[in-house]
PDBML (XML) file of the C-alpha atoms, coordinates in Angstrom:
<?xml version="1.0" encoding="UTF-8" ?>
<PDBx:datablock datablockName="MODEL"
   xmlns:PDBx="http://pdbml.pdb.org/schema/pdbx-v50.xsd"
   xmlns:xsi="http://www.w3.org/2001/XMLSchema-instance"
   xsi:schemaLocation="http://pdbml.pdb.org/schema/pdbx-v50.xsd pdbx-v50.xsd">
   <PDBx:atom_siteCategory>
      <PDBx:atom_site id="1">
         <PDBx:B_iso_or_equiv>0.00</PDBx:B_iso_or_equiv>
         <PDBx:Cartn_x>11.455</PDBx:Cartn_x>
         <PDBx:Cartn_y>-33.167</PDBx:Cartn_y>
         <PDBx:Cartn_z>-16.929</PDBx:Cartn_z>
         <PDBx:auth_asym_id>A</PDBx:auth_asym_id>
         <PDBx:auth_atom_id>CA</PDBx:auth_atom_id>
         <PDBx:auth_comp_id>CYS</PDBx:auth_comp_id>
         <PDBx:auth_seq_id>1</PDBx:auth_seq_id>
         <PDBx:group_PDB>ATOM</PDBx:group_PDB>
         <PDBx:label_alt_id xsi:nil="true" />
         <PDBx:label_asym_id>A</PDBx:label_asym_id>
         <PDBx:label_atom_id>CA</PDBx:label_atom_id>
         <PDBx:label_comp_id>CYS</PDBx:label_comp_id>
         <PDBx:label_entity_id>1</PDBx:label_entity_id>
         <PDBx:label_seq_id>1</PDBx:label_seq_id>
         <PDBx:occupancy>1.00</PDBx:occupancy>
         <PDBx:pdbx_PDB_model_num>1</PDBx:pdbx_PDB_model_num>
         <PDBx:type_symbol>C</PDBx:type_symbol>
      </PDBx:atom_site>
      <PDBx:atom_site id="2">
         <PDBx:B_iso_or_equiv>0.00</PDBx:B_iso_or_equiv>
         <PDBx:Cartn_x>9.868</PDBx:Cartn_x>
         <PDBx:Cartn_y>-31.029</PDBx:Cartn_y>
         <PDBx:Cartn_z>-19.611</PDBx:Cartn_z>
         <PDBx:auth_asym_id>A</PDBx:auth_asym_id>
         <PDBx:auth_atom_id>CA</PDBx:auth_atom_id>
         <PDBx:auth_comp_id>HIS</PDBx:auth_comp_id>
         <PDBx:auth_seq_id>2</PDBx:auth_seq_id>
         <PDBx:group_PDB>ATOM</PDBx:group_PDB>
         <PDBx:label_alt_id xsi:nil="true" />
         <PDBx:label_asym_id>A</PDBx:label_asym_id>
         <PDBx:label_atom_id>CA</PDBx:label_atom_id>
         <PDBx:label_comp_id>HIS</PDBx:label_comp_id>
         <PDBx:label_entity_id>1</PDBx:label_entity_id>
         <PDBx:label_seq_id>2</PDBx:label_seq_id>
         <PDBx:occupancy>1.00</PDBx:occupancy>
         <PDBx:pdbx_PDB_model_num>1</PDBx:pdbx_PDB_model_num>
         <PDBx:type_symbol>C</PDBx:type_symbol>
      </PDBx:atom_site>
      <PDBx:atom_site id="3">
         <PDBx:B_iso_or_equiv>0.00</PDBx:B_iso_or_equiv>
         <PDBx:Cartn_x>6.601</PDBx:Cartn_x>
         <PDBx:Cartn_y>-30.427</PDBx:Cartn_y>
         <PDBx:Cartn_z>-17.724</PDBx:Cartn_z>
         <PDBx:auth_asym_id>A</PDBx:auth_asym_id>
         <PDBx:auth_atom_id>CA</PDBx:auth_atom_id>
         <PDBx:auth_comp_id>VAL</PDBx:auth_comp_id>
         <PDBx:auth_seq_id>3</PDBx:auth_seq_id>
         <PDBx:group_PDB>ATOM</PDBx:group_PDB>
         <PDBx:label_alt_id xsi:nil="true" />
         <PDBx:label_asym_id>A</PDBx:label_asym_id>
         <PDBx:label_atom_id>CA</PDBx:label_atom_id>
         <PDBx:label_comp_id>VAL</PDBx:label_comp_id>
         <PDBx:label_entity_id>1</PDBx:label_entity_id>
         <PDBx:label_seq_id>3</PDBx:label_seq_id>
         <PDBx:occupancy>1.00</PDBx:occupancy>
         <PDBx:pdbx_PDB_model_num>1</PDBx:pdbx_PDB_model_num>
         <PDBx:type_symbol>C</PDBx:type_symbol>
      </PDBx:atom_site>
      <PDBx:atom_site id="4">
         <PDBx:B_iso_or_equiv>0.00</PDBx:B_iso_or_equiv>
         <PDBx:Cartn_x>8.104</PDBx:Cartn_x>
         <PDBx:Cartn_y>-30.242</PDBx:Cartn_y>
         <PDBx:Cartn_z>-13.977</PDBx:Cartn_z>
         <PDBx:auth_asym_id>A</PDBx:auth_asym_id>
         <PDBx:auth_atom_id>CA</PDBx:auth_atom_id>
         <PDBx:auth_comp_id>ARG</PDBx:auth_comp_id>
         <PDBx:auth_seq_id>4</PDBx:auth_seq_id>
         <PDBx:group_PDB>ATOM</PDBx:group_PDB>
         <PDBx:label_alt_id xsi:nil="true" />
         <PDBx:label_asym_id>A</PDBx:label_asym_id>
         <PDBx:label_atom_id>CA</PDBx:label_atom_id>
         <PDBx:label_comp_id>ARG</PDBx:label_comp_id>
         <PDBx:label_entity_id>1</PDBx:label_entity_id>
         <PDBx:label_seq_id>4</PDBx:label_seq_id>
         <PDBx:occupancy>1.00</PDBx:occupancy>
         <PDBx:pdbx_PDB_model_num>1</PDBx:pdbx_PDB_model_num>
         <PDBx:type_symbol>C</PDBx:type_symbol>
      </PDBx:atom_site>
      <PDBx:atom_site id="5">
         <PDBx:B_iso_or_equiv>0.00</PDBx:B_iso_or_equiv>
         <PDBx:Cartn_x>10.708</PDBx:Cartn_x>
         <PDBx:Cartn_y>-27.825</PDBx:Cartn_y>
         <PDBx:Cartn_z>-14.982</PDBx:Cartn_z>
         <PDBx:auth_asym_id>A</PDBx:auth_asym_id>
         <PDBx:auth_atom_id>CA</PDBx:auth_atom_id>
         <PDBx:auth_comp_id>GLY</PDBx:auth_comp_id>
         <PDBx:auth_seq_id>5</PDBx:auth_seq_id>
         <PDBx:group_PDB>ATOM</PDBx:group_PDB>
         <PDBx:label_alt_id xsi:nil="true" />
         <PDBx:label_asym_id>A</PDBx:label_asym_id>
         <PDBx:label_atom_id>CA</PDBx:label_atom_id>
         <PDBx:label_comp_id>GLY</PDBx:label_comp_id>
         <PDBx:label_entity_id>1</PDBx:label_entity_id>
         <PDBx:label_seq_id>5</PDBx:label_seq_id>
         <PDBx:occupancy>1.00</PDBx:occupancy>
         <PDBx:pdbx_PDB_model_num>1</PDBx:pdbx_PDB_model_num>
         <PDBx:type_symbol>C</PDBx:type_symbol>
      </PDBx:atom_site>
      <PDBx:atom_site id="6">
         <PDBx:B_iso_or_equiv>0.00</PDBx:B_iso_or_equiv>
         <PDBx:Cartn_x>9.150</PDBx:Cartn_x>
         <PDBx:Cartn_y>-25.717</PDBx:Cartn_y>
         <PDBx:Cartn_z>-17.133</PDBx:Cartn_z>
         <PDBx:auth_asym_id>A</PDBx:auth_asym_id>
         <PDBx:auth_atom_id>CA</PDBx:auth_atom_id>
         <PDBx:auth_comp_id>ALA</PDBx:auth_comp_id>
         <PDBx:auth_seq_id>6</PDBx:auth_seq_id>
         <PDBx:group_PDB>ATOM</PDBx:group_PDB>
         <PDBx:label_alt_id xsi:nil="true" />
         <PDBx:label_asym_id>A</PDBx:label_asym_id>
         <PDBx:label_atom_id>CA</PDBx:label_atom_id>
         <PDBx:label_comp_id>ALA</PDBx:label_comp_id>
         <PDBx:label_entity_id>1</PDBx:label_entity_id>
         <PDBx:label_seq_id>6</PDBx:label_seq_id>
         <PDBx:occupancy>1.00</PDBx:occupancy>
         <PDBx:pdbx_PDB_model_num>1</PDBx:pdbx_PDB_model_num>
         <PDBx:type_symbol>C</PDBx:type_symbol>
      </PDBx:atom_site>
      <PDBx:atom_site id="7">
         <PDBx:B_iso_or_equiv>0.00</PDBx:B_iso_or_equiv>
         <PDBx:Cartn_x>11.921</PDBx:Cartn_x>
         <PDBx:Cartn_y>-23.449</PDBx:Cartn_y>
         <PDBx:Cartn_z>-17.225</PDBx:Cartn_z>
         <PDBx:auth_asym_id>A</PDBx:auth_asym_id>
         <PDBx:auth_atom_id>CA</PDBx:auth_atom_id>
         <PDBx:auth_comp_id>HIS</PDBx:auth_comp_id>
         <PDBx:auth_seq_id>7</PDBx:auth_seq_id>
         <PDBx:group_PDB>ATOM</PDBx:group_PDB>
         <PDBx:label_alt_id xsi:nil="true" />
         <PDBx:label_asym_id>A</PDBx:label_asym_id>
         <PDBx:label_atom_id>CA</PDBx:label_atom_id>
         <PDBx:label_comp_id>HIS</PDBx:label_comp_id>
         <PDBx:label_entity_id>1</PDBx:label_entity_id>
         <PDBx:label_seq_id>7</PDBx:label_seq_id>
         <PDBx:occupancy>1.00</PDBx:occupancy>
         <PDBx:pdbx_PDB_model_num>1</PDBx:pdbx_PDB_model_num>
         <PDBx:type_symbol>C</PDBx:type_symbol>
      </PDBx:atom_site>
      <PDBx:atom_site id="8">
         <PDBx:B_iso_or_equiv>0.00</PDBx:B_iso_or_equiv>
         <PDBx:Cartn_x>14.834</PDBx:Cartn_x>
         <PDBx:Cartn_y>-25.697</PDBx:Cartn_y>
         <PDBx:Cartn_z>-17.260</PDBx:Cartn_z>
         <PDBx:auth_asym_id>A</PDBx:auth_asym_id>
         <PDBx:auth_atom_id>CA</PDBx:auth_atom_id>
         <PDBx:auth_comp_id>ILE</PDBx:auth_comp_id>
         <PDBx:auth_seq_id>8</PDBx:auth_seq_id>
         <PDBx:group_PDB>ATOM</PDBx:group_PDB>
         <PDBx:label_alt_id xsi:nil="true" />
         <PDBx:label_asym_id>A</PDBx:label_asym_id>
         <PDBx:label_atom_id>CA</PDBx:label_atom_id>
         <PDBx:label_comp_id>ILE</PDBx:label_comp_id>
         <PDBx:label_entity_id>1</PDBx:label_entity_id>
         <PDBx:label_seq_id>8</PDBx:label_seq_id>
         <PDBx:occupancy>1.00</PDBx:occupancy>
         <PDBx:pdbx_PDB_model_num>1</PDBx:pdbx_PDB_model_num>
         <PDBx:type_symbol>C</PDBx:type_symbol>
      </PDBx:atom_site>
      <PDBx:atom_site id="9">
         <PDBx:B_iso_or_equiv>0.00</PDBx:B_iso_or_equiv>
         <PDBx:Cartn_x>15.979</PDBx:Cartn_x>
         <PDBx:Cartn_y>-25.819</PDBx:Cartn_y>
         <PDBx:Cartn_z>-21.404</PDBx:Cartn_z>
         <PDBx:auth_asym_id>A</PDBx:auth_asym_id>
         <PDBx:auth_atom_id>CA</PDBx:auth_atom_id>
         <PDBx:auth_comp_id>PRO</PDBx:auth_comp_id>
         <PDBx:auth_seq_id>9</PDBx:auth_seq_id>
         <PDBx:group_PDB>ATOM</PDBx:group_PDB>
         <PDBx:label_alt_id xsi:nil="true" />
         <PDBx:label_asym_id>A</PDBx:label_asym_id>
         <PDBx:label_atom_id>CA</PDBx:label_atom_id>
         <PDBx:label_comp_id>PRO</PDBx:label_comp_id>
         <PDBx:label_entity_id>1</PDBx:label_entity_id>
         <PDBx:label_seq_id>9</PDBx:label_seq_id>
         <PDBx:occupancy>1.00</PDBx:occupancy>
         <PDBx:pdbx_PDB_model_num>1</PDBx:pdbx_PDB_model_num>
         <PDBx:type_symbol>C</PDBx:type_symbol>
      </PDBx:atom_site>
      <PDBx:atom_site id="10">
         <PDBx:B_iso_or_equiv>0.00</PDBx:B_iso_or_equiv>
         <PDBx:Cartn_x>15.698</PDBx:Cartn_x>
         <PDBx:Cartn_y>-28.771</PDBx:Cartn_y>
         <PDBx:Cartn_z>-22.792</PDBx:Cartn_z>
         <PDBx:auth_asym_id>A</PDBx:auth_asym_id>
         <PDBx:auth_atom_id>CA</PDBx:auth_atom_id>
         <PDBx:auth_comp_id>LEU</PDBx:auth_comp_id>
         <PDBx:auth_seq_id>10</PDBx:auth_seq_id>
         <PDBx:group_PDB>ATOM</PDBx:group_PDB>
         <PDBx:label_alt_id xsi:nil="true" />
         <PDBx:label_asym_id>A</PDBx:label_asym_id>
         <PDBx:label_atom_id>CA</PDBx:label_atom_id>
         <PDBx:label_comp_id>LEU</PDBx:label_comp_id>
         <PDBx:label_entity_id>1</PDBx:label_entity_id>
         <PDBx:label_seq_id>10</PDBx:label_seq_id>
         <PDBx:occupancy>1.00</PDBx:occupancy>
         <PDBx:pdbx_PDB_model_num>1</PDBx:pdbx_PDB_model_num>
         <PDBx:type_symbol>C</PDBx:type_symbol>
      </PDBx:atom_site>
      <PDBx:atom_site id="11">
         <PDBx:B_iso_or_equiv>0.00</PDBx:B_iso_or_equiv>
         <PDBx:Cartn_x>19.815</PDBx:Cartn_x>
         <PDBx:Cartn_y>-28.755</PDBx:Cartn_y>
         <PDBx:Cartn_z>-23.740</PDBx:Cartn_z>
         <PDBx:auth_asym_id>A</PDBx:auth_asym_id>
         <PDBx:auth_atom_id>CA</PDBx:auth_atom_id>
         <PDBx:auth_comp_id>LYS</PDBx:auth_comp_id>
         <PDBx:auth_seq_id>11</PDBx:auth_seq_id>
         <PDBx:group_PDB>ATOM</PDBx:group_PDB>
         <PDBx:label_alt_id xsi:nil="true" />
         <PDBx:label_asym_id>A</PDBx:label_asym_id>
         <PDBx:label_atom_id>CA</PDBx:label_atom_id>
         <PDBx:label_comp_id>LYS</PDBx:label_comp_id>
         <PDBx:label_entity_id>1</PDBx:label_entity_id>
         <PDBx:label_seq_id>11</PDBx:label_seq_id>
         <PDBx:occupancy>1.00</PDBx:occupancy>
         <PDBx:pdbx_PDB_model_num>1</PDBx:pdbx_PDB_model_num>
         <PDBx:type_symbol>C</PDBx:type_symbol>
      </PDBx:atom_site>
      <PDBx:atom_site id="12">
         <PDBx:B_iso_or_equiv>0.00</PDBx:B_iso_or_equiv>
         <PDBx:Cartn_x>20.304</PDBx:Cartn_x>
         <PDBx:Cartn_y>-27.602</PDBx:Cartn_y>
         <PDBx:Cartn_z>-20.138</PDBx:Cartn_z>
         <PDBx:auth_asym_id>A</PDBx:auth_asym_id>
         <PDBx:auth_atom_id>CA</PDBx:auth_atom_id>
         <PDBx:auth_comp_id>MET</PDBx:auth_comp_id>
         <PDBx:auth_seq_id>12</PDBx:auth_seq_id>
         <PDBx:group_PDB>ATOM</PDBx:group_PDB>
         <PDBx:label_alt_id xsi:nil="true" />
         <PDBx:label_asym_id>A</PDBx:label_asym_id>
         <PDBx:label_atom_id>CA</PDBx:label_atom_id>
         <PDBx:label_comp_id>MET</PDBx:label_comp_id>
         <PDBx:label_entity_id>1</PDBx:label_entity_id>
         <PDBx:label_seq_id>12</PDBx:label_seq_id>
         <PDBx:occupancy>1.00</PDBx:occupancy>
         <PDBx:pdbx_PDB_model_num>1</PDBx:pdbx_PDB_model_num>
         <PDBx:type_symbol>C</PDBx:type_symbol>
      </PDBx:atom_site>
      <PDBx:atom_site id="13">
         <PDBx:B_iso_or_equiv>0.00</PDBx:B_iso_or_equiv>
         <PDBx:Cartn_x>18.052</PDBx:Cartn_x>
         <PDBx:Cartn_y>-31.543</PDBx:Cartn_y>
         <PDBx:Cartn_z>-19.303</PDBx:Cartn_z>
         <PDBx:auth_asym_id>A</PDBx:auth_asym_id>
         <PDBx:auth_atom_id>CA</PDBx:auth_atom_id>
         <PDBx:auth_comp_id>ASN</PDBx:auth_comp_id>
         <PDBx:auth_seq_id>13</PDBx:auth_seq_id>
         <PDBx:group_PDB>ATOM</PDBx:group_PDB>
         <PDBx:label_alt_id xsi:nil="true" />
         <PDBx:label_asym_id>A</PDBx:label_asym_id>
         <PDBx:label_atom_id>CA</PDBx:label_atom_id>
         <PDBx:label_comp_id>ASN</PDBx:label_comp_id>
         <PDBx:label_entity_id>1</PDBx:label_entity_id>
         <PDBx:label_seq_id>13</PDBx:label_seq_id>
         <PDBx:occupancy>1.00</PDBx:occupancy>
         <PDBx:pdbx_PDB_model_num>1</PDBx:pdbx_PDB_model_num>
         <PDBx:type_symbol>C</PDBx:type_symbol>
      </PDBx:atom_site>
      <PDBx:atom_site id="14">
         <PDBx:B_iso_or_equiv>0.00</PDBx:B_iso_or_equiv>
         <PDBx:Cartn_x>20.223</PDBx:Cartn_x>
         <PDBx:Cartn_y>-33.037</PDBx:Cartn_y>
         <PDBx:Cartn_z>-21.941</PDBx:Cartn_z>
         <PDBx:auth_asym_id>A</PDBx:auth_asym_id>
         <PDBx:auth_atom_id>CA</PDBx:auth_atom_id>
         <PDBx:auth_comp_id>ARG</PDBx:auth_comp_id>
         <PDBx:auth_seq_id>14</PDBx:auth_seq_id>
         <PDBx:group_PDB>ATOM</PDBx:group_PDB>
         <PDBx:label_alt_id xsi:nil="true" />
         <PDBx:label_asym_id>A</PDBx:label_asym_id>
         <PDBx:label_atom_id>CA</PDBx:label_atom_id>
         <PDBx:label_comp_id>ARG</PDBx:label_comp_id>
         <PDBx:label_entity_id>1</PDBx:label_entity_id>
         <PDBx:label_seq_id>14</PDBx:label_seq_id>
         <PDBx:occupancy>1.00</PDBx:occupancy>
         <PDBx:pdbx_PDB_model_num>1</PDBx:pdbx_PDB_model_num>
         <PDBx:type_symbol>C</PDBx:type_symbol>
      </PDBx:atom_site>
      <PDBx:atom_site id="15">
         <PDBx:B_iso_or_equiv>0.00</PDBx:B_iso_or_equiv>
         <PDBx:Cartn_x>23.560</PDBx:Cartn_x>
         <PDBx:Cartn_y>-31.521</PDBx:Cartn_y>
         <PDBx:Cartn_z>-20.714</PDBx:Cartn_z>
         <PDBx:auth_asym_id>A</PDBx:auth_asym_id>
         <PDBx:auth_atom_id>CA</PDBx:auth_atom_id>
         <PDBx:auth_comp_id>THR</PDBx:auth_comp_id>
         <PDBx:auth_seq_id>15</PDBx:auth_seq_id>
         <PDBx:group_PDB>ATOM</PDBx:group_PDB>
         <PDBx:label_alt_id xsi:nil="true" />
         <PDBx:label_asym_id>A</PDBx:label_asym_id>
         <PDBx:label_atom_id>CA</PDBx:label_atom_id>
         <PDBx:label_comp_id>THR</PDBx:label_comp_id>
         <PDBx:label_entity_id>1</PDBx:label_entity_id>
         <PDBx:label_seq_id>15</PDBx:label_seq_id>
         <PDBx:occupancy>1.00</PDBx:occupancy>
         <PDBx:pdbx_PDB_model_num>1</PDBx:pdbx_PDB_model_num>
         <PDBx:type_symbol>C</PDBx:type_symbol>
      </PDBx:atom_site>
      <PDBx:atom_site id="16">
         <PDBx:B_iso_or_equiv>0.00</PDBx:B_iso_or_equiv>
         <PDBx:Cartn_x>23.067</PDBx:Cartn_x>
         <PDBx:Cartn_y>-33.367</PDBx:Cartn_y>
         <PDBx:Cartn_z>-16.893</PDBx:Cartn_z>
         <PDBx:auth_asym_id>A</PDBx:auth_asym_id>
         <PDBx:auth_atom_id>CA</PDBx:auth_atom_id>
         <PDBx:auth_comp_id>ILE</PDBx:auth_comp_id>
         <PDBx:auth_seq_id>16</PDBx:auth_seq_id>
         <PDBx:group_PDB>ATOM</PDBx:group_PDB>
         <PDBx:label_alt_id xsi:nil="true" />
         <PDBx:label_asym_id>A</PDBx:label_asym_id>
         <PDBx:label_atom_id>CA</PDBx:label_atom_id>
         <PDBx:label_comp_id>ILE</PDBx:label_comp_id>
         <PDBx:label_entity_id>1</PDBx:label_entity_id>
         <PDBx:label_seq_id>16</PDBx:label_seq_id>
         <PDBx:occupancy>1.00</PDBx:occupancy>
         <PDBx:pdbx_PDB_model_num>1</PDBx:pdbx_PDB_model_num>
         <PDBx:type_symbol>C</PDBx:type_symbol>
      </PDBx:atom_site>
      <PDBx:atom_site id="17">
         <PDBx:B_iso_or_equiv>0.00</PDBx:B_iso_or_equiv>
         <PDBx:Cartn_x>21.859</PDBx:Cartn_x>
         <PDBx:Cartn_y>-36.238</PDBx:Cartn_y>
         <PDBx:Cartn_z>-18.326</PDBx:Cartn_z>
         <PDBx:auth_asym_id>A</PDBx:auth_asym_id>
         <PDBx:auth_atom_id>CA</PDBx:auth_atom_id>
         <PDBx:auth_comp_id>LEU</PDBx:auth_comp_id>
         <PDBx:auth_seq_id>17</PDBx:auth_seq_id>
         <PDBx:group_PDB>ATOM</PDBx:group_PDB>
         <PDBx:label_alt_id xsi:nil="true" />
         <PDBx:label_asym_id>A</PDBx:label_asym_id>
         <PDBx:label_atom_id>CA</PDBx:label_atom_id>
         <PDBx:label_comp_id>LEU</PDBx:label_comp_id>
         <PDBx:label_entity_id>1</PDBx:label_entity_id>
         <PDBx:label_seq_id>17</PDBx:label_seq_id>
         <PDBx:occupancy>1.00</PDBx:occupancy>
         <PDBx:pdbx_PDB_model_num>1</PDBx:pdbx_PDB_model_num>
         <PDBx:type_symbol>C</PDBx:type_symbol>
      </PDBx:atom_site>
      <PDBx:atom_site id="18">
         <PDBx:B_iso_or_equiv>0.00</PDBx:B_iso_or_equiv>
         <PDBx:Cartn_x>24.915</PDBx:Cartn_x>
         <PDBx:Cartn_y>-36.722</PDBx:Cartn_y>
         <PDBx:Cartn_z>-19.838</PDBx:Cartn_z>
         <PDBx:auth_asym_id>A</PDBx:auth_asym_id>
         <PDBx:auth_atom_id>CA</PDBx:auth_atom_id>
         <PDBx:auth_comp_id>ASN</PDBx:auth_comp_id>
         <PDBx:auth_seq_id>18</PDBx:auth_seq_id>
         <PDBx:group_PDB>ATOM</PDBx:group_PDB>
         <PDBx:label_alt_id xsi:nil="true" />
         <PDBx:label_asym_id>A</PDBx:label_asym_id>
         <PDBx:label_atom_id>CA</PDBx:label_atom_id>
         <PDBx:label_comp_id>ASN</PDBx:label_comp_id>
         <PDBx:label_entity_id>1</PDBx:label_entity_id>
         <PDBx:label_seq_id>18</PDBx:label_seq_id>
         <PDBx:occupancy>1.00</PDBx:occupancy>
         <PDBx:pdbx_PDB_model_num>1</PDBx:pdbx_PDB_model_num>
         <PDBx:type_symbol>C</PDBx:type_symbol>
      </PDBx:atom_site>
      <PDBx:atom_site id="19">
         <PDBx:B_iso_or_equiv>0.00</PDBx:B_iso_or_equiv>
         <PDBx:Cartn_x>27.020</PDBx:Cartn_x>
         <PDBx:Cartn_y>-35.134</PDBx:Cartn_y>
         <PDBx:Cartn_z>-17.151</PDBx:Cartn_z>
         <PDBx:auth_asym_id>A</PDBx:auth_asym_id>
         <PDBx:auth_atom_id>CA</PDBx:auth_atom_id>
         <PDBx:auth_comp_id>LEU</PDBx:auth_comp_id>
         <PDBx:auth_seq_id>19</PDBx:auth_seq_id>
         <PDBx:group_PDB>ATOM</PDBx:group_PDB>
         <PDBx:label_alt_id xsi:nil="true" />
         <PDBx:label_asym_id>A</PDBx:label_asym_id>
         <PDBx:label_atom_id>CA</PDBx:label_atom_id>
         <PDBx:label_comp_id>LEU</PDBx:label_comp_id>
         <PDBx:label_entity_id>1</PDBx:label_entity_id>
         <PDBx:label_seq_id>19</PDBx:label_seq_id>
         <PDBx:occupancy>1.00</PDBx:occupancy>
         <PDBx:pdbx_PDB_model_num>1</PDBx:pdbx_PDB_model_num>
         <PDBx:type_symbol>C</PDBx:type_symbol>
      </PDBx:atom_site>
      <PDBx:atom_site id="20">
         <PDBx:B_iso_or_equiv>0.00</PDBx:B_iso_or_equiv>
         <PDBx:Cartn_x>25.203</PDBx:Cartn_x>
         <PDBx:Cartn_y>-38.011</PDBx:Cartn_y>
         <PDBx:Cartn_z>-15.537</PDBx:Cartn_z>
         <PDBx:auth_asym_id>A</PDBx:auth_asym_id>
         <PDBx:auth_atom_id>CA</PDBx:auth_atom_id>
         <PDBx:auth_comp_id>LEU</PDBx:auth_comp_id>
         <PDBx:auth_seq_id>20</PDBx:auth_seq_id>
         <PDBx:group_PDB>ATOM</PDBx:group_PDB>
         <PDBx:label_alt_id xsi:nil="true" />
         <PDBx:label_asym_id>A</PDBx:label_asym_id>
         <PDBx:label_atom_id>CA</PDBx:label_atom_id>
         <PDBx:label_comp_id>LEU</PDBx:label_comp_id>
         <PDBx:label_entity_id>1</PDBx:label_entity_id>
         <PDBx:label_seq_id>20</PDBx:label_seq_id>
         <PDBx:occupancy>1.00</PDBx:occupancy>
         <PDBx:pdbx_PDB_model_num>1</PDBx:pdbx_PDB_model_num>
         <PDBx:type_symbol>C</PDBx:type_symbol>
      </PDBx:atom_site>
      <PDBx:atom_site id="21">
         <PDBx:B_iso_or_equiv>0.00</PDBx:B_iso_or_equiv>
         <PDBx:Cartn_x>26.125</PDBx:Cartn_x>
         <PDBx:Cartn_y>-41.262</PDBx:Cartn_y>
         <PDBx:Cartn_z>-16.941</PDBx:Cartn_z>
         <PDBx:auth_asym_id>A</PDBx:auth_asym_id>
         <PDBx:auth_atom_id>CA</PDBx:auth_atom_id>
         <PDBx:auth_comp_id>LYS</PDBx:auth_comp_id>
         <PDBx:auth_seq_id>21</PDBx:auth_seq_id>
         <PDBx:group_PDB>ATOM</PDBx:group_PDB>
         <PDBx:label_alt_id xsi:nil="true" />
         <PDBx:label_asym_id>A</PDBx:label_asym_id>
         <PDBx:label_atom_id>CA</PDBx:label_atom_id>
         <PDBx:label_comp_id>LYS</PDBx:label_comp_id>
         <PDBx:label_entity_id>1</PDBx:label_entity_id>
         <PDBx:label_seq_id>21</PDBx:label_seq_id>
         <PDBx:occupancy>1.00</PDBx:occupancy>
         <PDBx:pdbx_PDB_model_num>1</PDBx:pdbx_PDB_model_num>
         <PDBx:type_symbol>C</PDBx:type_symbol>
      </PDBx:atom_site>
      <PDBx:atom_site id="22">
         <PDBx:B_iso_or_equiv>0.00</PDBx:B_iso_or_equiv>
         <PDBx:Cartn_x>30.044</PDBx:Cartn_x>
         <PDBx:Cartn_y>-39.770</PDBx:Cartn_y>
         <PDBx:Cartn_z>-16.523</PDBx:Cartn_z>
         <PDBx:auth_asym_id>A</PDBx:auth_asym_id>
         <PDBx:auth_atom_id>CA</PDBx:auth_atom_id>
         <PDBx:auth_comp_id>HIS</PDBx:auth_comp_id>
         <PDBx:auth_seq_id>22</PDBx:auth_seq_id>
         <PDBx:group_PDB>ATOM</PDBx:group_PDB>
         <PDBx:label_alt_id xsi:nil="true" />
         <PDBx:label_asym_id>A</PDBx:label_asym_id>
         <PDBx:label_atom_id>CA</PDBx:label_atom_id>
         <PDBx:label_comp_id>HIS</PDBx:label_comp_id>
         <PDBx:label_entity_id>1</PDBx:label_entity_id>
         <PDBx:label_seq_id>22</PDBx:label_seq_id>
         <PDBx:occupancy>1.00</PDBx:occupancy>
         <PDBx:pdbx_PDB_model_num>1</PDBx:pdbx_PDB_model_num>
         <PDBx:type_symbol>C</PDBx:type_symbol>
      </PDBx:atom_site>
      <PDBx:atom_site id="23">
         <PDBx:B_iso_or_equiv>0.00</PDBx:B_iso_or_equiv>
         <PDBx:Cartn_x>29.918</PDBx:Cartn_x>
         <PDBx:Cartn_y>-39.200</PDBx:Cartn_y>
         <PDBx:Cartn_z>-12.937</PDBx:Cartn_z>
         <PDBx:auth_asym_id>A</PDBx:auth_asym_id>
         <PDBx:auth_atom_id>CA</PDBx:auth_atom_id>
         <PDBx:auth_comp_id>TYR</PDBx:auth_comp_id>
         <PDBx:auth_seq_id>23</PDBx:auth_seq_id>
         <PDBx:group_PDB>ATOM</PDBx:group_PDB>
         <PDBx:label_alt_id xsi:nil="true" />
         <PDBx:label_asym_id>A</PDBx:label_asym_id>
         <PDBx:label_atom_id>CA</PDBx:label_atom_id>
         <PDBx:label_comp_id>TYR</PDBx:label_comp_id>
         <PDBx:label_entity_id>1</PDBx:label_entity_id>
         <PDBx:label_seq_id>23</PDBx:label_seq_id>
         <PDBx:occupancy>1.00</PDBx:occupancy>
         <PDBx:pdbx_PDB_model_num>1</PDBx:pdbx_PDB_model_num>
         <PDBx:type_symbol>C</PDBx:type_symbol>
      </PDBx:atom_site>
      <PDBx:atom_site id="24">
         <PDBx:B_iso_or_equiv>0.00</PDBx:B_iso_or_equiv>
         <PDBx:Cartn_x>27.854</PDBx:Cartn_x>
         <PDBx:Cartn_y>-42.380</PDBx:Cartn_y>
         <PDBx:Cartn_z>-11.994</PDBx:Cartn_z>
         <PDBx:auth_asym_id>A</PDBx:auth_asym_id>
         <PDBx:auth_atom_id>CA</PDBx:auth_atom_id>
         <PDBx:auth_comp_id>ASN</PDBx:auth_comp_id>
         <PDBx:auth_seq_id>24</PDBx:auth_seq_id>
         <PDBx:group_PDB>ATOM</PDBx:group_PDB>
         <PDBx:label_alt_id xsi:nil="true" />
         <PDBx:label_asym_id>A</PDBx:label_asym_id>
         <PDBx:label_atom_id>CA</PDBx:label_atom_id>
         <PDBx:label_comp_id>ASN</PDBx:label_comp_id>
         <PDBx:label_entity_id>1</PDBx:label_entity_id>
         <PDBx:label_seq_id>24</PDBx:label_seq_id>
         <PDBx:occupancy>1.00</PDBx:occupancy>
         <PDBx:pdbx_PDB_model_num>1</PDBx:pdbx_PDB_model_num>
         <PDBx:type_symbol>C</PDBx:type_symbol>
      </PDBx:atom_site>
      <PDBx:atom_site id="25">
         <PDBx:B_iso_or_equiv>0.00</PDBx:B_iso_or_equiv>
         <PDBx:Cartn_x>27.705</PDBx:Cartn_x>
         <PDBx:Cartn_y>-43.413</PDBx:Cartn_y>
         <PDBx:Cartn_z>-8.448</PDBx:Cartn_z>
         <PDBx:auth_asym_id>A</PDBx:auth_asym_id>
         <PDBx:auth_atom_id>CA</PDBx:auth_atom_id>
         <PDBx:auth_comp_id>ILE</PDBx:auth_comp_id>
         <PDBx:auth_seq_id>25</PDBx:auth_seq_id>
         <PDBx:group_PDB>ATOM</PDBx:group_PDB>
         <PDBx:label_alt_id xsi:nil="true" />
         <PDBx:label_asym_id>A</PDBx:label_asym_id>
         <PDBx:label_atom_id>CA</PDBx:label_atom_id>
         <PDBx:label_comp_id>ILE</PDBx:label_comp_id>
         <PDBx:label_entity_id>1</PDBx:label_entity_id>
         <PDBx:label_seq_id>25</PDBx:label_seq_id>
         <PDBx:occupancy>1.00</PDBx:occupancy>
         <PDBx:pdbx_PDB_model_num>1</PDBx:pdbx_PDB_model_num>
         <PDBx:type_symbol>C</PDBx:type_symbol>
      </PDBx:atom_site>
   </PDBx:atom_siteCategory>
</PDBx:datablock>
């Protein structure tokens, strides 16, 4: 995620991962 999404802040990556836990399918 860090290499591919160089413009995505680390906090945003963590937030997305946390939200994926909540919106689990």
